[in-house]
Amino acid sequence: WLLFLILSLPHELLAQQCGTNTIHKMLQQKGLWPQNKASHNTTSWPTDSIYTIPVVIHVIYATNAQNVQDLQIESQVEVLNEDYAGLNLDAILIPQPFKQFKSGDVGIRFCLASVDPQNNPTTGITRTFTQVNSFALNDEMKYATTGGHDAWPTDKYLNIWVCNLDGNVLGYAQYPGGPPETDGVVIYYKAFGKNGTAAKPYNKGRTATHEVGHWLN
């Protein structure tokens, strides 16, 4: 599970712009997360099993630029699969102190969902026009009532919201065990995937690799 540390960017640079711990503390302060919440135990998972997680990408956009296109979304799913299968070519850059940990195939794969919650065919992508030009670390992009899109059932899908984020934040995730309606990952639209609106140096898809690592605990 330390694979999310394997980044082409210096880890400390990306960590400074990750909002996961901030959102986690906010949930605790609101009483939505017990202070002594136990984490999921993944140590007993069979090491030779492959788990494929259906993903739904909720694109929340106020401008045409924020409405990331299918090719950009597909490039992000490709990066996630490479990284979690240990097939990323820059794995040779793993710092020596981390090489003692598992950094190859962790048995996780990702695919865009093929059916929606009503069992209708889907591309695994939703697109929502919003009057909100940018979102803060408050989960408002996760609700239709506040300019976003409601989560699909979080016991069946990994929800990823792609939108314009405030405050120099590249993305954030919710750790396992939090409120189901906000479960998932949020990524800044300029730090998502490898093409389109993805801007250097955040155009390698590693923000999502990092945040999905948090989501997986």
N, C-alpha and C. Protein backbone atom coordinates (compact mmCIF):
# COMPACT_ATOMS: atom_id res chain seq x y z
N TRP A 1 0.82 -1.21 0.00
CA TRP A 1 0.00 0.00 0.00
C TRP A 1 0.85 1.26 0.00
N LEU A 2 2.12 1.12 0.00
CA LEU A 2 2.98 2.30 -0.09
C LEU A 2 3.24 2.71 -1.53
N LEU A 3 2.54 2.06 -2.46
CA LEU A 3 2.80 2.38 -3.86
C LEU A 3 2.51 3.84 -4.17
N PHE A 4 1.54 4.44 -3.46
CA PHE A 4 1.21 5.82 -3.78
C PHE A 4 2.36 6.78 -3.47
N LEU A 5 3.39 6.30 -2.76
CA LEU A 5 4.56 7.12 -2.51
C LEU A 5 5.48 7.20 -3.73
N ILE A 6 5.26 6.29 -4.68
CA ILE A 6 6.16 6.24 -5.83
C ILE A 6 5.71 7.27 -6.85
N LEU A 7 6.28 8.42 -6.80
CA LEU A 7 5.86 9.53 -7.63
C LEU A 7 7.03 10.07 -8.42
N SER A 8 6.73 10.60 -9.56
CA SER A 8 7.78 11.22 -10.34
C SER A 8 8.14 12.59 -9.77
N LEU A 9 7.24 13.16 -8.99
CA LEU A 9 7.52 14.42 -8.32
C LEU A 9 8.07 14.13 -6.93
N PRO A 10 8.85 15.07 -6.37
CA PRO A 10 9.26 14.89 -4.98
C PRO A 10 8.04 14.74 -4.10
N HIS A 11 8.03 13.75 -3.23
CA HIS A 11 6.85 13.48 -2.43
C HIS A 11 6.46 14.67 -1.57
N GLU A 12 7.45 15.38 -1.01
CA GLU A 12 7.11 16.47 -0.13
C GLU A 12 6.40 17.59 -0.87
N LEU A 13 6.70 17.77 -2.17
CA LEU A 13 6.04 18.81 -2.95
C LEU A 13 4.57 18.49 -3.13
N LEU A 14 4.29 17.23 -3.49
CA LEU A 14 2.90 16.85 -3.69
C LEU A 14 2.15 16.82 -2.37
N ALA A 15 2.79 16.35 -1.31
CA ALA A 15 2.11 16.23 -0.03
C ALA A 15 1.66 17.60 0.49
N GLN A 16 2.39 18.65 0.18
CA GLN A 16 2.02 19.98 0.63
C GLN A 16 0.71 20.42 0.02
N GLN A 17 0.33 19.82 -1.09
CA GLN A 17 -0.87 20.24 -1.80
C GLN A 17 -1.94 19.15 -1.79
N CYS A 18 -1.82 18.21 -0.88
CA CYS A 18 -2.81 17.16 -0.70
C CYS A 18 -3.70 17.56 0.47
N GLY A 19 -5.02 17.58 0.25
CA GLY A 19 -5.94 18.02 1.29
C GLY A 19 -6.55 16.92 2.12
N THR A 20 -6.04 15.70 2.00
CA THR A 20 -6.67 14.56 2.66
C THR A 20 -6.70 14.70 4.18
N ASN A 21 -5.57 15.04 4.79
CA ASN A 21 -5.55 15.15 6.25
C ASN A 21 -6.42 16.31 6.73
N THR A 22 -6.48 17.39 5.94
CA THR A 22 -7.34 18.52 6.30
C THR A 22 -8.79 18.11 6.33
N ILE A 23 -9.25 17.41 5.29
CA ILE A 23 -10.64 16.99 5.23
C ILE A 23 -10.93 15.94 6.31
N HIS A 24 -9.94 15.10 6.63
CA HIS A 24 -10.12 14.09 7.67
C HIS A 24 -10.35 14.76 9.03
N LYS A 25 -9.56 15.79 9.35
CA LYS A 25 -9.73 16.52 10.61
C LYS A 25 -11.08 17.22 10.66
N MET A 26 -11.54 17.75 9.52
CA MET A 26 -12.84 18.41 9.47
C MET A 26 -13.96 17.42 9.77
N LEU A 27 -13.86 16.21 9.24
CA LEU A 27 -14.87 15.20 9.52
C LEU A 27 -14.89 14.83 11.00
N GLN A 28 -13.70 14.75 11.60
CA GLN A 28 -13.62 14.46 13.03
C GLN A 28 -14.25 15.58 13.84
N GLN A 29 -13.97 16.82 13.49
CA GLN A 29 -14.50 17.97 14.22
C GLN A 29 -16.01 18.04 14.13
N LYS A 30 -16.55 17.59 13.00
CA LYS A 30 -18.01 17.60 12.81
C LYS A 30 -18.69 16.39 13.45
N GLY A 31 -17.88 15.50 14.04
CA GLY A 31 -18.44 14.30 14.66
C GLY A 31 -18.82 13.23 13.67
N LEU A 32 -18.34 13.34 12.43
CA LEU A 32 -18.65 12.37 11.39
C LEU A 32 -17.64 11.24 11.33
N TRP A 33 -16.65 11.29 12.22
CA TRP A 33 -15.61 10.27 12.22
C TRP A 33 -15.12 10.08 13.65
N PRO A 34 -15.32 8.89 14.25
CA PRO A 34 -14.82 8.68 15.62
C PRO A 34 -13.32 8.91 15.70
N GLN A 35 -12.88 9.55 16.78
CA GLN A 35 -11.46 9.85 16.94
C GLN A 35 -10.61 8.59 16.95
N ASN A 36 -11.20 7.47 17.40
CA ASN A 36 -10.43 6.23 17.47
C ASN A 36 -10.82 5.26 16.37
N LYS A 37 -11.29 5.81 15.24
CA LYS A 37 -11.74 4.95 14.14
C LYS A 37 -10.63 4.01 13.70
N ALA A 38 -10.91 2.71 13.71
CA ALA A 38 -9.91 1.74 13.28
C ALA A 38 -9.85 1.69 11.77
N SER A 39 -8.66 1.51 11.25
CA SER A 39 -8.50 1.41 9.80
C SER A 39 -8.81 0.00 9.34
N HIS A 40 -9.10 -0.14 8.04
CA HIS A 40 -9.34 -1.46 7.48
C HIS A 40 -8.08 -2.31 7.56
N ASN A 41 -8.25 -3.57 7.84
CA ASN A 41 -7.12 -4.49 7.86
C ASN A 41 -7.02 -5.17 6.50
N THR A 42 -5.98 -4.85 5.74
CA THR A 42 -5.82 -5.43 4.41
C THR A 42 -4.70 -6.47 4.37
N THR A 43 -4.14 -6.78 5.53
CA THR A 43 -2.98 -7.68 5.53
C THR A 43 -3.36 -9.12 5.19
N SER A 44 -4.64 -9.46 5.30
CA SER A 44 -5.05 -10.84 5.05
C SER A 44 -5.51 -11.06 3.61
N TRP A 45 -5.45 -10.05 2.76
CA TRP A 45 -5.87 -10.23 1.38
C TRP A 45 -4.93 -11.20 0.67
N PRO A 46 -5.47 -12.13 -0.12
CA PRO A 46 -4.60 -13.05 -0.87
C PRO A 46 -3.68 -12.27 -1.80
N THR A 47 -2.41 -12.60 -1.78
CA THR A 47 -1.44 -11.83 -2.56
C THR A 47 -1.52 -12.13 -4.05
N ASP A 48 -2.17 -13.23 -4.43
CA ASP A 48 -2.23 -13.59 -5.83
C ASP A 48 -3.57 -13.24 -6.47
N SER A 49 -4.41 -12.49 -5.77
CA SER A 49 -5.72 -12.11 -6.28
C SER A 49 -5.66 -10.74 -6.95
N ILE A 50 -6.49 -10.55 -7.96
CA ILE A 50 -6.63 -9.27 -8.64
C ILE A 50 -8.02 -8.73 -8.37
N TYR A 51 -8.10 -7.52 -7.84
CA TYR A 51 -9.37 -6.87 -7.56
C TYR A 51 -9.55 -5.72 -8.55
N THR A 52 -10.65 -5.75 -9.30
CA THR A 52 -10.94 -4.69 -10.26
C THR A 52 -12.03 -3.79 -9.68
N ILE A 53 -11.72 -2.51 -9.57
CA ILE A 53 -12.63 -1.54 -8.96
C ILE A 53 -13.29 -0.70 -10.04
N PRO A 54 -14.63 -0.75 -10.16
CA PRO A 54 -15.32 0.12 -11.11
C PRO A 54 -15.22 1.59 -10.66
N VAL A 55 -14.91 2.45 -11.59
CA VAL A 55 -14.70 3.86 -11.29
C VAL A 55 -15.73 4.70 -12.03
N VAL A 56 -16.28 5.68 -11.35
CA VAL A 56 -17.11 6.69 -12.02
C VAL A 56 -16.43 8.04 -11.86
N ILE A 57 -16.25 8.73 -12.98
CA ILE A 57 -15.63 10.06 -12.98
C ILE A 57 -16.74 11.09 -13.08
N HIS A 58 -16.87 11.92 -12.05
CA HIS A 58 -17.85 13.00 -12.07
C HIS A 58 -17.14 14.29 -12.47
N VAL A 59 -17.32 14.73 -13.70
CA VAL A 59 -16.70 15.97 -14.17
C VAL A 59 -17.65 17.12 -13.83
N ILE A 60 -17.16 18.02 -12.98
CA ILE A 60 -17.95 19.19 -12.57
C ILE A 60 -17.30 20.42 -13.20
N TYR A 61 -18.02 21.12 -14.06
CA TYR A 61 -17.37 22.19 -14.82
C TYR A 61 -18.22 23.46 -14.87
N ALA A 62 -17.52 24.59 -14.77
CA ALA A 62 -18.16 25.91 -14.94
C ALA A 62 -17.74 26.55 -16.24
N THR A 63 -16.64 26.04 -16.83
CA THR A 63 -16.14 26.55 -18.11
C THR A 63 -15.83 25.36 -19.01
N ASN A 64 -15.68 25.62 -20.29
CA ASN A 64 -15.34 24.56 -21.22
C ASN A 64 -14.01 23.90 -20.86
N ALA A 65 -13.05 24.70 -20.38
CA ALA A 65 -11.74 24.16 -20.02
C ALA A 65 -11.84 23.15 -18.89
N GLN A 66 -12.75 23.37 -17.96
CA GLN A 66 -12.90 22.47 -16.82
C GLN A 66 -13.61 21.16 -17.19
N ASN A 67 -14.22 21.13 -18.36
CA ASN A 67 -14.96 19.95 -18.80
C ASN A 67 -13.99 18.98 -19.48
N VAL A 68 -13.19 18.29 -18.68
CA VAL A 68 -12.13 17.43 -19.22
C VAL A 68 -12.73 16.36 -20.12
N GLN A 69 -12.02 16.05 -21.18
CA GLN A 69 -12.55 15.16 -22.21
C GLN A 69 -12.21 13.69 -21.94
N ASP A 70 -12.85 12.83 -22.73
CA ASP A 70 -12.73 11.39 -22.51
C ASP A 70 -11.29 10.89 -22.58
N LEU A 71 -10.50 11.41 -23.54
CA LEU A 71 -9.12 10.94 -23.69
C LEU A 71 -8.29 11.25 -22.44
N GLN A 72 -8.56 12.38 -21.82
CA GLN A 72 -7.85 12.74 -20.60
C GLN A 72 -8.24 11.79 -19.46
N ILE A 73 -9.51 11.47 -19.39
CA ILE A 73 -10.00 10.54 -18.37
C ILE A 73 -9.39 9.16 -18.59
N GLU A 74 -9.37 8.71 -19.83
CA GLU A 74 -8.80 7.40 -20.13
C GLU A 74 -7.31 7.34 -19.80
N SER A 75 -6.60 8.45 -20.01
CA SER A 75 -5.18 8.47 -19.68
C SER A 75 -4.96 8.33 -18.18
N GLN A 76 -5.89 8.88 -17.38
CA GLN A 76 -5.75 8.76 -15.93
C GLN A 76 -5.98 7.33 -15.47
N VAL A 77 -6.98 6.67 -16.02
CA VAL A 77 -7.23 5.27 -15.66
C VAL A 77 -6.04 4.41 -16.05
N GLU A 78 -5.43 4.71 -17.18
CA GLU A 78 -4.25 3.98 -17.62
C GLU A 78 -3.10 4.13 -16.62
N VAL A 79 -2.88 5.35 -16.14
CA VAL A 79 -1.81 5.57 -15.16
C VAL A 79 -2.09 4.81 -13.87
N LEU A 80 -3.32 4.84 -13.40
CA LEU A 80 -3.66 4.11 -12.18
C LEU A 80 -3.35 2.62 -12.33
N ASN A 81 -3.71 2.06 -13.47
CA ASN A 81 -3.46 0.64 -13.68
C ASN A 81 -1.98 0.33 -13.79
N GLU A 82 -1.22 1.20 -14.44
CA GLU A 82 0.23 0.99 -14.51
C GLU A 82 0.86 1.05 -13.12
N ASP A 83 0.49 2.06 -12.35
CA ASP A 83 1.11 2.25 -11.04
C ASP A 83 0.77 1.13 -10.07
N TYR A 84 -0.49 0.73 -10.03
CA TYR A 84 -0.88 -0.29 -9.06
C TYR A 84 -0.54 -1.71 -9.52
N ALA A 85 -0.15 -1.84 -10.78
CA ALA A 85 0.37 -3.12 -11.27
C ALA A 85 1.89 -3.15 -11.25
N GLY A 86 2.52 -2.05 -10.84
CA GLY A 86 3.96 -1.99 -10.79
C GLY A 86 4.60 -1.93 -12.16
N LEU A 87 3.87 -1.42 -13.15
CA LEU A 87 4.37 -1.37 -14.53
C LEU A 87 4.83 0.03 -14.94
N ASN A 88 4.80 0.97 -14.02
CA ASN A 88 5.26 2.33 -14.33
C ASN A 88 6.76 2.31 -14.59
N LEU A 89 7.16 2.90 -15.72
CA LEU A 89 8.54 2.84 -16.14
C LEU A 89 9.49 3.55 -15.18
N ASP A 90 8.99 4.54 -14.45
CA ASP A 90 9.87 5.28 -13.55
C ASP A 90 9.98 4.63 -12.17
N ALA A 91 9.57 3.37 -12.06
CA ALA A 91 9.74 2.66 -10.79
C ALA A 91 11.21 2.54 -10.40
N ILE A 92 12.08 2.66 -11.38
CA ILE A 92 13.52 2.60 -11.07
C ILE A 92 13.96 3.80 -10.23
N LEU A 93 13.11 4.82 -10.14
CA LEU A 93 13.45 6.01 -9.37
C LEU A 93 13.02 5.92 -7.92
N ILE A 94 12.48 4.77 -7.51
CA ILE A 94 12.05 4.62 -6.11
C ILE A 94 13.26 4.85 -5.20
N PRO A 95 13.16 5.74 -4.22
CA PRO A 95 14.28 5.96 -3.31
C PRO A 95 14.64 4.69 -2.55
N GLN A 96 15.90 4.52 -2.28
CA GLN A 96 16.39 3.30 -1.64
C GLN A 96 15.65 2.93 -0.36
N PRO A 97 15.33 3.89 0.54
CA PRO A 97 14.66 3.51 1.78
C PRO A 97 13.31 2.84 1.57
N PHE A 98 12.66 3.06 0.40
CA PHE A 98 11.34 2.49 0.16
C PHE A 98 11.40 1.16 -0.58
N LYS A 99 12.57 0.77 -1.06
CA LYS A 99 12.66 -0.44 -1.86
C LYS A 99 12.42 -1.71 -1.05
N GLN A 100 12.50 -1.61 0.28
CA GLN A 100 12.23 -2.78 1.11
C GLN A 100 10.74 -3.08 1.19
N PHE A 101 9.90 -2.12 0.80
CA PHE A 101 8.46 -2.31 0.87
C PHE A 101 7.92 -2.81 -0.47
N LYS A 102 6.72 -3.33 -0.44
CA LYS A 102 6.10 -3.84 -1.66
C LYS A 102 5.88 -2.69 -2.63
N SER A 103 6.46 -2.81 -3.81
CA SER A 103 6.31 -1.74 -4.78
C SER A 103 6.02 -2.28 -6.17
N GLY A 104 5.62 -3.53 -6.24
CA GLY A 104 5.27 -4.11 -7.53
C GLY A 104 3.76 -4.16 -7.70
N ASP A 105 3.26 -5.27 -8.14
CA ASP A 105 1.83 -5.43 -8.38
C ASP A 105 1.11 -5.65 -7.05
N VAL A 106 0.25 -4.72 -6.68
CA VAL A 106 -0.48 -4.86 -5.42
C VAL A 106 -1.86 -5.49 -5.62
N GLY A 107 -2.14 -5.95 -6.85
CA GLY A 107 -3.37 -6.71 -7.08
C GLY A 107 -4.62 -5.86 -7.24
N ILE A 108 -4.45 -4.58 -7.57
CA ILE A 108 -5.58 -3.68 -7.76
C ILE A 108 -5.60 -3.21 -9.21
N ARG A 109 -6.79 -3.24 -9.83
CA ARG A 109 -6.99 -2.70 -11.17
C ARG A 109 -8.20 -1.76 -11.14
N PHE A 110 -8.27 -0.91 -12.12
CA PHE A 110 -9.35 0.07 -12.20
C PHE A 110 -9.95 0.04 -13.59
N CYS A 111 -11.26 0.21 -13.67
CA CYS A 111 -11.91 0.30 -14.98
C CYS A 111 -13.08 1.28 -14.85
N LEU A 112 -13.35 2.00 -15.92
CA LEU A 112 -14.53 2.85 -15.93
C LEU A 112 -15.77 1.97 -15.84
N ALA A 113 -16.69 2.36 -15.01
CA ALA A 113 -17.91 1.56 -14.81
C ALA A 113 -18.64 1.36 -16.13
N SER A 114 -19.20 0.19 -16.33
CA SER A 114 -19.95 -0.11 -17.56
C SER A 114 -21.45 -0.09 -17.34
N VAL A 115 -21.88 -0.14 -16.08
CA VAL A 115 -23.31 -0.01 -15.77
C VAL A 115 -23.47 1.00 -14.64
N ASP A 116 -24.55 1.76 -14.67
CA ASP A 116 -24.80 2.75 -13.64
C ASP A 116 -25.59 2.12 -12.49
N PRO A 117 -25.92 2.88 -11.45
CA PRO A 117 -26.62 2.28 -10.31
C PRO A 117 -27.98 1.68 -10.65
N GLN A 118 -28.56 2.08 -11.79
CA GLN A 118 -29.85 1.51 -12.22
C GLN A 118 -29.66 0.36 -13.21
N ASN A 119 -28.41 -0.10 -13.35
CA ASN A 119 -28.06 -1.19 -14.28
C ASN A 119 -28.22 -0.81 -15.74
N ASN A 120 -28.18 0.48 -16.04
CA ASN A 120 -28.18 0.94 -17.42
C ASN A 120 -26.74 1.06 -17.91
N PRO A 121 -26.50 0.86 -19.21
CA PRO A 121 -25.14 1.03 -19.74
C PRO A 121 -24.63 2.44 -19.50
N THR A 122 -23.34 2.56 -19.22
CA THR A 122 -22.74 3.87 -18.96
C THR A 122 -21.30 3.88 -19.44
N THR A 123 -20.79 5.06 -19.70
CA THR A 123 -19.37 5.22 -20.01
C THR A 123 -18.53 5.31 -18.75
N GLY A 124 -19.19 5.41 -17.60
CA GLY A 124 -18.45 5.61 -16.35
C GLY A 124 -18.07 7.06 -16.14
N ILE A 125 -18.68 7.96 -16.90
CA ILE A 125 -18.39 9.39 -16.81
C ILE A 125 -19.70 10.15 -16.70
N THR A 126 -19.80 11.05 -15.71
CA THR A 126 -20.92 11.98 -15.64
C THR A 126 -20.38 13.38 -15.85
N ARG A 127 -21.20 14.25 -16.41
CA ARG A 127 -20.79 15.63 -16.66
C ARG A 127 -21.87 16.57 -16.11
N THR A 128 -21.44 17.48 -15.25
CA THR A 128 -22.38 18.38 -14.58
C THR A 128 -21.92 19.81 -14.74
N PHE A 129 -22.74 20.63 -15.39
CA PHE A 129 -22.45 22.06 -15.44
C PHE A 129 -22.82 22.68 -14.10
N THR A 130 -21.95 23.55 -13.59
CA THR A 130 -22.19 24.17 -12.29
C THR A 130 -22.01 25.67 -12.37
N GLN A 131 -22.68 26.36 -11.49
CA GLN A 131 -22.50 27.81 -11.35
C GLN A 131 -21.34 28.13 -10.41
N VAL A 132 -20.77 27.11 -9.80
CA VAL A 132 -19.67 27.30 -8.85
C VAL A 132 -18.36 27.27 -9.65
N ASN A 133 -17.64 28.37 -9.66
CA ASN A 133 -16.42 28.42 -10.46
C ASN A 133 -15.28 27.61 -9.85
N SER A 134 -15.22 27.53 -8.52
CA SER A 134 -14.20 26.72 -7.86
C SER A 134 -14.72 26.25 -6.51
N PHE A 135 -14.19 25.09 -6.07
CA PHE A 135 -14.66 24.46 -4.84
C PHE A 135 -13.55 24.47 -3.79
N ALA A 136 -13.96 24.65 -2.54
CA ALA A 136 -13.04 24.59 -1.41
C ALA A 136 -13.03 23.18 -0.85
N LEU A 137 -12.25 22.99 0.24
CA LEU A 137 -12.20 21.69 0.90
C LEU A 137 -13.43 21.52 1.80
N ASN A 138 -14.58 21.40 1.15
CA ASN A 138 -15.83 21.30 1.93
C ASN A 138 -16.78 20.24 1.37
N ASP A 139 -16.33 19.49 0.37
CA ASP A 139 -17.11 18.39 -0.21
C ASP A 139 -18.35 18.85 -0.97
N GLU A 140 -18.47 20.13 -1.29
CA GLU A 140 -19.68 20.60 -1.97
C GLU A 140 -19.78 20.06 -3.40
N MET A 141 -18.67 19.70 -3.99
CA MET A 141 -18.73 19.11 -5.34
C MET A 141 -19.37 17.73 -5.34
N LYS A 142 -19.61 17.18 -4.15
CA LYS A 142 -20.16 15.83 -4.02
C LYS A 142 -21.68 15.81 -3.86
N TYR A 143 -22.31 16.98 -3.97
CA TYR A 143 -23.76 17.07 -3.81
C TYR A 143 -24.37 17.90 -4.94
N ALA A 144 -25.43 17.40 -5.53
CA ALA A 144 -26.13 18.15 -6.56
C ALA A 144 -26.71 19.45 -6.01
N THR A 145 -27.07 19.45 -4.75
CA THR A 145 -27.68 20.64 -4.15
C THR A 145 -26.70 21.80 -3.96
N THR A 146 -25.40 21.51 -4.04
CA THR A 146 -24.40 22.57 -3.87
C THR A 146 -23.53 22.72 -5.12
N GLY A 147 -24.11 22.36 -6.26
CA GLY A 147 -23.41 22.59 -7.52
C GLY A 147 -22.57 21.45 -8.02
N GLY A 148 -22.65 20.30 -7.37
CA GLY A 148 -21.84 19.15 -7.78
C GLY A 148 -22.68 17.99 -8.27
N HIS A 149 -22.24 16.79 -7.98
CA HIS A 149 -22.95 15.58 -8.39
C HIS A 149 -22.92 14.59 -7.24
N ASP A 150 -24.07 14.01 -6.93
CA ASP A 150 -24.16 13.03 -5.85
C ASP A 150 -23.32 11.79 -6.18
N ALA A 151 -22.76 11.19 -5.14
CA ALA A 151 -21.97 9.98 -5.31
C ALA A 151 -22.84 8.83 -5.78
N TRP A 152 -22.28 7.99 -6.63
CA TRP A 152 -22.90 6.70 -6.89
C TRP A 152 -22.61 5.80 -5.69
N PRO A 153 -23.38 4.73 -5.50
CA PRO A 153 -23.21 3.89 -4.29
C PRO A 153 -21.75 3.53 -4.06
N THR A 154 -21.24 3.94 -2.92
CA THR A 154 -19.81 3.84 -2.67
C THR A 154 -19.36 2.44 -2.26
N ASP A 155 -20.30 1.53 -2.11
CA ASP A 155 -19.93 0.13 -1.89
C ASP A 155 -19.76 -0.61 -3.22
N LYS A 156 -20.03 0.08 -4.32
CA LYS A 156 -19.93 -0.54 -5.65
C LYS A 156 -18.99 0.21 -6.59
N TYR A 157 -18.72 1.49 -6.29
CA TYR A 157 -17.92 2.31 -7.20
C TYR A 157 -16.89 3.13 -6.42
N LEU A 158 -15.77 3.39 -7.08
CA LEU A 158 -14.88 4.45 -6.64
C LEU A 158 -15.33 5.72 -7.34
N ASN A 159 -15.81 6.68 -6.57
CA ASN A 159 -16.23 7.96 -7.11
C ASN A 159 -15.04 8.91 -7.16
N ILE A 160 -14.77 9.47 -8.33
CA ILE A 160 -13.73 10.49 -8.47
C ILE A 160 -14.37 11.74 -9.05
N TRP A 161 -14.30 12.83 -8.29
CA TRP A 161 -14.81 14.12 -8.76
C TRP A 161 -13.65 14.93 -9.33
N VAL A 162 -13.80 15.44 -10.54
CA VAL A 162 -12.79 16.27 -11.18
C VAL A 162 -13.38 17.67 -11.34
N CYS A 163 -12.73 18.65 -10.74
CA CYS A 163 -13.30 19.99 -10.73
C CYS A 163 -12.20 21.01 -10.49
N ASN A 164 -12.61 22.28 -10.42
CA ASN A 164 -11.68 23.36 -10.10
C ASN A 164 -11.62 23.51 -8.59
N LEU A 165 -10.42 23.36 -8.03
CA LEU A 165 -10.24 23.42 -6.57
C LEU A 165 -9.56 24.72 -6.16
N ASP A 166 -9.98 25.25 -5.03
CA ASP A 166 -9.36 26.44 -4.44
C ASP A 166 -8.08 26.08 -3.70
N GLY A 167 -7.33 27.13 -3.35
CA GLY A 167 -6.29 27.02 -2.34
C GLY A 167 -5.08 26.22 -2.70
N ASN A 168 -4.72 26.15 -3.97
CA ASN A 168 -3.49 25.46 -4.35
C ASN A 168 -3.52 23.98 -3.96
N VAL A 169 -4.71 23.41 -3.93
CA VAL A 169 -4.87 22.00 -3.59
C VAL A 169 -4.98 21.18 -4.87
N LEU A 170 -4.17 20.13 -4.98
CA LEU A 170 -4.21 19.26 -6.15
C LEU A 170 -5.30 18.20 -6.05
N GLY A 171 -5.63 17.80 -4.83
CA GLY A 171 -6.64 16.78 -4.65
C GLY A 171 -6.74 16.34 -3.21
N TYR A 172 -7.73 15.53 -2.92
CA TYR A 172 -7.85 14.94 -1.59
C TYR A 172 -8.73 13.70 -1.67
N ALA A 173 -8.65 12.88 -0.64
CA ALA A 173 -9.42 11.65 -0.58
C ALA A 173 -10.03 11.50 0.80
N GLN A 174 -10.97 10.59 0.90
CA GLN A 174 -11.54 10.24 2.20
C GLN A 174 -11.08 8.84 2.57
N TYR A 175 -10.52 8.69 3.77
CA TYR A 175 -10.06 7.39 4.22
C TYR A 175 -11.24 6.42 4.37
N PRO A 176 -10.99 5.12 4.33
CA PRO A 176 -12.07 4.14 4.52
C PRO A 176 -12.77 4.34 5.86
N GLY A 177 -14.08 4.20 5.84
CA GLY A 177 -14.86 4.25 7.07
C GLY A 177 -15.60 5.54 7.32
N GLY A 178 -15.44 6.54 6.44
CA GLY A 178 -16.13 7.82 6.61
C GLY A 178 -17.55 7.77 6.08
N PRO A 179 -18.23 8.92 6.04
CA PRO A 179 -19.60 8.97 5.55
C PRO A 179 -19.69 8.48 4.11
N PRO A 180 -20.59 7.57 3.79
CA PRO A 180 -20.65 7.01 2.44
C PRO A 180 -20.97 8.04 1.36
N GLU A 181 -21.75 9.05 1.71
CA GLU A 181 -22.15 10.03 0.69
C GLU A 181 -20.99 10.90 0.22
N THR A 182 -19.87 10.93 0.96
CA THR A 182 -18.71 11.72 0.55
C THR A 182 -17.50 10.85 0.27
N ASP A 183 -17.69 9.54 0.25
CA ASP A 183 -16.58 8.62 0.03
C ASP A 183 -16.05 8.75 -1.39
N GLY A 184 -14.74 8.84 -1.51
CA GLY A 184 -14.14 8.92 -2.84
C GLY A 184 -12.95 9.86 -2.88
N VAL A 185 -12.64 10.33 -4.08
CA VAL A 185 -11.45 11.14 -4.34
C VAL A 185 -11.85 12.37 -5.15
N VAL A 186 -11.18 13.49 -4.86
CA VAL A 186 -11.38 14.73 -5.62
C VAL A 186 -10.05 15.14 -6.22
N ILE A 187 -10.05 15.50 -7.51
CA ILE A 187 -8.82 15.88 -8.19
C ILE A 187 -9.03 17.21 -8.93
N TYR A 188 -8.06 18.09 -8.80
CA TYR A 188 -8.02 19.35 -9.54
C TYR A 188 -7.93 19.04 -11.03
N TYR A 189 -8.73 19.73 -11.83
CA TYR A 189 -8.81 19.38 -13.25
C TYR A 189 -7.51 19.61 -14.01
N LYS A 190 -6.60 20.41 -13.47
CA LYS A 190 -5.30 20.62 -14.11
C LYS A 190 -4.24 19.64 -13.60
N ALA A 191 -4.63 18.74 -12.72
CA ALA A 191 -3.69 17.74 -12.20
C ALA A 191 -4.24 16.33 -12.40
N PHE A 192 -5.04 16.18 -13.45
CA PHE A 192 -5.77 14.93 -13.70
C PHE A 192 -5.35 14.38 -15.06
N GLY A 193 -4.88 13.15 -15.09
CA GLY A 193 -4.50 12.54 -16.35
C GLY A 193 -3.20 13.09 -16.91
N LYS A 194 -2.95 12.78 -18.19
CA LYS A 194 -1.67 13.14 -18.80
C LYS A 194 -1.80 14.08 -19.99
N ASN A 195 -3.00 14.43 -20.39
CA ASN A 195 -3.17 15.30 -21.55
C ASN A 195 -4.30 16.29 -21.29
N GLY A 196 -4.75 16.95 -22.34
CA GLY A 196 -5.85 17.90 -22.16
C GLY A 196 -5.47 19.06 -21.27
N THR A 197 -6.20 19.24 -20.19
CA THR A 197 -5.98 20.36 -19.27
C THR A 197 -4.87 20.10 -18.26
N ALA A 198 -4.34 18.89 -18.22
CA ALA A 198 -3.28 18.56 -17.25
C ALA A 198 -2.06 19.43 -17.51
N ALA A 199 -1.62 20.16 -16.49
CA ALA A 199 -0.54 21.14 -16.64
C ALA A 199 0.72 20.67 -15.93
N LYS A 200 1.86 20.87 -16.58
CA LYS A 200 3.14 20.53 -15.97
C LYS A 200 3.33 21.30 -14.68
N PRO A 201 3.95 20.69 -13.65
CA PRO A 201 4.51 19.33 -13.62
C PRO A 201 3.53 18.26 -13.17
N TYR A 202 2.24 18.60 -13.17
CA TYR A 202 1.22 17.69 -12.64
C TYR A 202 0.48 16.97 -13.76
N ASN A 203 1.17 16.66 -14.84
CA ASN A 203 0.54 16.02 -16.00
C ASN A 203 1.01 14.58 -16.18
N LYS A 204 1.28 13.91 -15.08
CA LYS A 204 1.70 12.50 -15.15
C LYS A 204 0.69 11.57 -14.48
N GLY A 205 -0.42 12.12 -14.03
CA GLY A 205 -1.47 11.28 -13.44
C GLY A 205 -1.20 10.84 -12.02
N ARG A 206 -0.14 11.38 -11.41
CA ARG A 206 0.28 10.88 -10.10
C ARG A 206 -0.50 11.49 -8.94
N THR A 207 -1.19 12.58 -9.16
CA THR A 207 -2.05 13.10 -8.09
C THR A 207 -3.12 12.07 -7.75
N ALA A 208 -3.75 11.50 -8.78
CA ALA A 208 -4.77 10.48 -8.53
C ALA A 208 -4.17 9.21 -7.93
N THR A 209 -2.98 8.82 -8.39
CA THR A 209 -2.31 7.66 -7.78
C THR A 209 -2.13 7.88 -6.29
N HIS A 210 -1.68 9.07 -5.92
CA HIS A 210 -1.46 9.43 -4.53
C HIS A 210 -2.77 9.40 -3.73
N GLU A 211 -3.80 10.08 -4.26
CA GLU A 211 -5.05 10.19 -3.51
C GLU A 211 -5.79 8.85 -3.43
N VAL A 212 -5.74 8.06 -4.48
CA VAL A 212 -6.35 6.74 -4.41
C VAL A 212 -5.63 5.88 -3.38
N GLY A 213 -4.33 6.09 -3.22
CA GLY A 213 -3.60 5.41 -2.14
C GLY A 213 -4.17 5.74 -0.78
N HIS A 214 -4.49 7.01 -0.55
CA HIS A 214 -5.16 7.38 0.70
C HIS A 214 -6.52 6.69 0.81
N TRP A 215 -7.27 6.72 -0.28
CA TRP A 215 -8.63 6.13 -0.29
C TRP A 215 -8.57 4.64 0.05
N LEU A 216 -7.52 3.96 -0.42
CA LEU A 216 -7.35 2.54 -0.12
C LEU A 216 -6.74 2.30 1.27
N ASN A 217 -6.43 3.39 1.97
CA ASN A 217 -5.86 3.33 3.31
C ASN A 217 -4.40 2.89 3.27
